[in-house]
Amino acid sequence: MLDVFGPDIWIADGPETQTAGFPYPTRMALIRLADGGLFVWSPVALTPDLRAALATLGPVRHIVAPNSLHDLWLADWAREFPDAAVWGPPALRAKRRDIAFDGVLDDAPDPAWADRIDQAVMRGNLITTEIVFFHRQSRTVLFTDLIQQHDPARFSGWRAVVARLDLMTAPEPAVPRKFRVAFLDRAAARDSVRRVLAWPANNVLMAHGTPVRGQGAAFLRRAFAWLTG
């Protein structure tokens, strides 16, 4: 249920979801903070097994939706852990008025996790504004939707063609073309990417795709060469 990804960071895969008929695997990450509490990134479906596994790691302190698209199970987590703070970008707060958000994510990490986790807002995208995180202890960068990689065998017919053209099934994880086109403010996007590229990354996690283990900084330079080159 929970896999160790590095020091004080775990990952858990959730159920597959559907978007316009395209299957999407889901993944979340848990990071243990200095006070022993858990930072929950992009929560997946909260099953009894996952709930039991969480209890062995520590109390849930922060529930984080990294962009305006990853809110499917957010309300369930907020109800299950009423003492935890719920965080999201401004657009999600406007979208999900049924959820009581405790804070809005921006470029400055909250003091509760600033000693363990850095963050950067990826600005200038028409589809979504995503907050990218960097876990210092494991040197892991966490992307939600802006980098993806899907199994080509999961698609058929016209969806297989679309997925290939969109770079969803590229040989290594990539920024899908729909997100590349949606970066209308390229100057703002480049400023954001420069901050991400400055992190001493070794690993890269994403919600939809195979994690990159090792040489993370070089991978990120390749992934965003279309923007920075």
Protein backbone atom coordinates (compact mmCIF):
# COMPACT_ATOMS: atom_id res chain seq x y z
CA MET A 1 0.00 0.00 0.00
CA LEU A 2 2.76 2.45 0.98
CA ASP A 3 6.18 2.28 -0.67
CA VAL A 4 9.26 3.98 0.73
CA PHE A 5 10.61 6.43 -1.85
CA GLY A 6 13.37 7.96 0.28
CA PRO A 7 14.03 9.29 3.76
CA ASP A 8 10.72 10.44 5.27
CA ILE A 9 8.81 10.16 1.98
CA TRP A 10 6.37 7.44 0.91
CA ILE A 11 4.18 6.94 -2.16
CA ALA A 12 0.87 5.16 -2.65
CA ASP A 13 -0.92 4.42 -5.91
CA GLY A 14 -4.65 4.94 -6.06
CA PRO A 15 -7.42 3.82 -8.39
CA GLU A 16 -7.46 4.64 -12.06
CA THR A 17 -9.65 7.60 -13.07
CA GLN A 18 -11.15 8.57 -16.42
CA THR A 19 -10.90 11.92 -18.18
CA ALA A 20 -12.70 12.14 -21.54
CA GLY A 21 -12.37 8.37 -21.74
CA PHE A 22 -8.61 8.44 -21.15
CA PRO A 23 -7.46 6.26 -18.23
CA TYR A 24 -5.27 8.00 -15.67
CA PRO A 25 -3.35 6.19 -12.94
CA THR A 26 -3.16 8.13 -9.68
CA ARG A 27 -0.43 8.52 -7.10
CA MET A 28 0.02 10.38 -3.84
CA ALA A 29 3.02 11.13 -1.64
CA LEU A 30 3.40 11.42 2.12
CA ILE A 31 6.21 13.42 3.68
CA ARG A 32 7.01 13.33 7.39
CA LEU A 33 7.69 16.79 8.78
CA ALA A 34 10.00 17.80 11.60
CA ASP A 35 7.18 17.61 14.18
CA GLY A 36 6.32 14.04 13.13
CA GLY A 37 3.17 15.09 11.28
CA LEU A 38 2.40 14.15 7.69
CA PHE A 39 2.25 16.36 4.61
CA VAL A 40 -0.18 14.65 2.20
CA TRP A 41 0.45 15.55 -1.45
CA SER A 42 -2.26 14.93 -4.08
CA PRO A 43 -4.37 12.52 -1.99
CA VAL A 44 -5.82 9.43 -3.67
CA ALA A 45 -8.90 7.48 -2.59
CA LEU A 46 -8.81 6.91 1.17
CA THR A 47 -9.30 3.16 1.61
CA PRO A 48 -9.34 1.33 4.98
CA ASP A 49 -5.92 -0.18 4.18
CA LEU A 50 -4.44 3.22 3.41
CA ARG A 51 -6.01 4.67 6.55
CA ALA A 52 -4.41 1.94 8.64
CA ALA A 53 -1.02 2.45 6.98
CA LEU A 54 -1.17 6.18 7.70
CA ALA A 55 -1.64 5.51 11.39
CA THR A 56 1.77 3.83 11.51
CA LEU A 57 3.56 6.91 10.12
CA GLY A 58 2.13 9.78 12.14
CA PRO A 59 -0.78 12.21 12.32
CA VAL A 60 -2.03 13.90 9.15
CA ARG A 61 -1.24 17.61 9.55
CA HIS A 62 -1.53 19.03 6.02
CA ILE A 63 -3.63 17.91 3.04
CA VAL A 64 -2.37 19.48 -0.17
CA ALA A 65 -4.04 19.71 -3.59
CA PRO A 66 -1.20 20.86 -5.87
CA ASN A 67 -3.42 22.21 -8.67
CA SER A 68 -7.05 22.88 -9.51
CA LEU A 69 -7.51 19.47 -11.19
CA HIS A 70 -6.58 17.18 -8.29
CA ASP A 71 -9.55 17.56 -5.97
CA LEU A 72 -11.45 14.31 -6.56
CA TRP A 73 -10.87 12.90 -3.07
CA LEU A 74 -9.97 16.10 -1.24
CA ALA A 75 -13.30 16.44 0.59
CA ASP A 76 -13.10 12.84 1.84
CA TRP A 77 -9.69 13.50 3.39
CA ALA A 78 -10.86 16.77 4.92
CA ARG A 79 -13.78 14.97 6.59
CA GLU A 80 -11.62 12.07 7.79
CA PHE A 81 -8.93 14.34 9.23
CA PRO A 82 -10.77 17.43 10.53
CA ASP A 83 -7.74 18.63 12.50
CA ALA A 84 -5.55 18.75 9.39
CA ALA A 85 -5.07 21.96 7.40
CA VAL A 86 -6.30 21.84 3.80
CA TRP A 87 -4.27 23.67 1.14
CA GLY A 88 -4.79 24.45 -2.53
CA PRO A 89 -4.19 27.07 -5.22
CA PRO A 90 -6.58 30.06 -5.46
CA ALA A 91 -8.44 28.60 -8.45
CA LEU A 92 -9.30 25.44 -6.53
CA ARG A 93 -10.53 27.42 -3.55
CA ALA A 94 -12.93 29.22 -5.91
CA LYS A 95 -13.96 25.94 -7.57
CA ARG A 96 -14.58 23.90 -4.40
CA ARG A 97 -16.57 26.18 -2.13
CA ASP A 98 -17.80 23.06 -0.32
CA ILE A 99 -14.32 22.58 1.19
CA ALA A 100 -13.02 24.79 3.99
CA PHE A 101 -9.47 25.65 2.93
CA ASP A 102 -7.05 26.72 5.63
CA GLY A 103 -4.48 28.28 3.34
CA VAL A 104 -3.61 29.17 -0.24
CA LEU A 105 -0.45 27.86 -1.88
CA ASP A 106 2.02 30.32 -3.38
CA ASP A 107 5.76 30.57 -3.92
CA ALA A 108 6.57 30.79 -0.21
CA PRO A 109 6.40 27.49 1.71
CA ASP A 110 4.43 27.64 4.93
CA PRO A 111 6.59 27.72 8.09
CA ALA A 112 5.11 24.34 9.05
CA TRP A 113 7.09 22.66 6.27
CA ALA A 114 9.59 25.28 5.08
CA ASP A 115 12.54 23.45 6.68
CA ARG A 116 11.74 20.24 4.78
CA ILE A 117 9.92 21.29 1.60
CA ASP A 118 10.36 24.11 -0.90
CA GLN A 119 7.79 25.04 -3.54
CA ALA A 120 7.33 27.04 -6.73
CA VAL A 121 4.19 28.14 -8.55
CA MET A 122 4.23 27.26 -12.26
CA ARG A 123 2.65 30.40 -13.67
CA GLY A 124 1.33 31.31 -17.09
CA ASN A 125 -0.69 28.18 -17.93
CA LEU A 126 -4.26 28.47 -19.17
CA ILE A 127 -5.31 24.95 -18.07
CA THR A 128 -4.11 25.04 -14.48
CA THR A 129 -1.68 26.70 -12.10
CA GLU A 130 0.38 23.94 -10.53
CA ILE A 131 2.51 24.18 -7.41
CA VAL A 132 5.66 22.09 -7.70
CA PHE A 133 7.31 20.89 -4.49
CA PHE A 134 10.86 19.87 -3.58
CA HIS A 135 11.54 17.52 -0.65
CA ARG A 136 15.03 18.34 0.53
CA GLN A 137 15.93 15.13 2.40
CA SER A 138 15.24 12.86 -0.56
CA ARG A 139 16.05 15.53 -3.19
CA THR A 140 12.71 14.75 -4.84
CA VAL A 141 10.71 17.13 -7.04
CA LEU A 142 6.96 16.47 -7.09
CA PHE A 143 4.95 17.26 -10.24
CA THR A 144 1.24 16.63 -10.54
CA ASP A 145 0.06 17.00 -14.16
CA LEU A 146 2.73 19.07 -15.91
CA ILE A 147 4.93 15.99 -16.39
CA GLN A 148 3.33 12.66 -17.28
CA GLN A 149 4.06 9.24 -18.74
CA HIS A 150 1.41 6.66 -19.58
CA ASP A 151 1.61 3.03 -20.67
CA PRO A 152 0.85 2.94 -24.44
CA ALA A 153 -0.94 -0.39 -23.94
CA ARG A 154 -3.63 1.41 -21.93
CA PHE A 155 -4.87 3.26 -25.04
CA SER A 156 -6.50 2.05 -28.23
CA GLY A 157 -8.03 3.52 -31.36
CA TRP A 158 -8.06 7.28 -31.73
CA ARG A 159 -7.13 7.74 -28.07
CA ALA A 160 -3.83 5.95 -28.72
CA VAL A 161 -3.11 8.41 -31.54
CA VAL A 162 -4.01 11.42 -29.39
CA ALA A 163 -1.92 10.14 -26.47
CA ARG A 164 1.09 9.64 -28.72
CA LEU A 165 0.79 13.07 -30.34
CA ASP A 166 0.30 14.67 -26.93
CA LEU A 167 3.53 13.02 -25.69
CA MET A 168 1.60 11.19 -22.97
CA THR A 169 3.26 7.94 -24.08
CA ALA A 170 6.75 9.28 -24.82
CA PRO A 171 9.78 7.08 -24.01
CA GLU A 172 10.45 9.13 -20.87
CA PRO A 173 8.09 11.34 -18.85
CA ALA A 174 7.35 14.61 -20.64
CA VAL A 175 5.27 17.77 -20.51
CA PRO A 176 2.17 16.94 -22.59
CA ARG A 177 1.74 19.14 -25.66
CA LYS A 178 -1.63 20.42 -24.44
CA PHE A 179 0.10 21.94 -21.41
CA ARG A 180 2.93 23.34 -23.55
CA VAL A 181 0.44 25.16 -25.77
CA ALA A 182 -1.45 26.38 -22.70
CA PHE A 183 1.59 28.27 -21.38
CA LEU A 184 0.43 31.55 -22.88
CA ASP A 185 2.70 33.65 -20.69
CA ARG A 186 6.04 32.13 -21.64
CA ALA A 187 8.06 34.70 -19.68
CA ALA A 188 6.25 33.84 -16.45
CA ALA A 189 6.59 30.14 -17.19
CA ARG A 190 10.33 30.42 -17.78
CA ASP A 191 10.79 32.28 -14.50
CA SER A 192 8.96 29.49 -12.71
CA VAL A 193 10.94 26.74 -14.41
CA ARG A 194 14.25 28.41 -13.59
CA ARG A 195 13.40 28.19 -9.92
CA VAL A 196 12.58 24.48 -10.25
CA LEU A 197 15.76 23.81 -12.21
CA ALA A 198 17.82 25.46 -9.47
CA TRP A 199 16.86 22.75 -6.98
CA PRO A 200 19.49 19.99 -6.51
CA ALA A 201 17.07 17.32 -7.70
CA ASN A 202 17.94 13.65 -7.79
CA ASN A 203 14.44 12.17 -8.18
CA VAL A 204 11.18 13.28 -9.79
CA LEU A 205 7.74 12.04 -8.74
CA MET A 206 4.55 12.61 -10.70
CA ALA A 207 0.93 11.71 -10.16
CA HIS A 208 0.65 10.08 -13.59
CA GLY A 209 3.80 8.31 -14.64
CA THR A 210 6.91 6.34 -13.84
CA PRO A 211 9.04 8.05 -11.17
CA VAL A 212 12.49 9.20 -12.19
CA ARG A 213 15.10 7.83 -9.79
CA GLY A 214 18.50 9.45 -10.11
CA GLN A 215 19.79 12.23 -12.35
CA GLY A 216 16.64 14.21 -11.70
CA ALA A 217 18.19 17.59 -12.47
CA ALA A 218 19.34 16.44 -15.91
CA PHE A 219 15.93 14.92 -16.59
CA LEU A 220 14.15 18.19 -15.72
CA ARG A 221 16.43 20.15 -18.02
CA ARG A 222 15.44 17.81 -20.85
CA ALA A 223 11.75 17.94 -19.92
CA PHE A 224 11.66 21.74 -20.13
CA ALA A 225 14.18 22.32 -22.93
CA TRP A 226 11.27 23.25 -25.23
CA LEU A 227 10.62 26.24 -22.93
CA THR A 228 14.07 27.24 -21.74
CA GLY A 229 16.11 26.41 -24.81
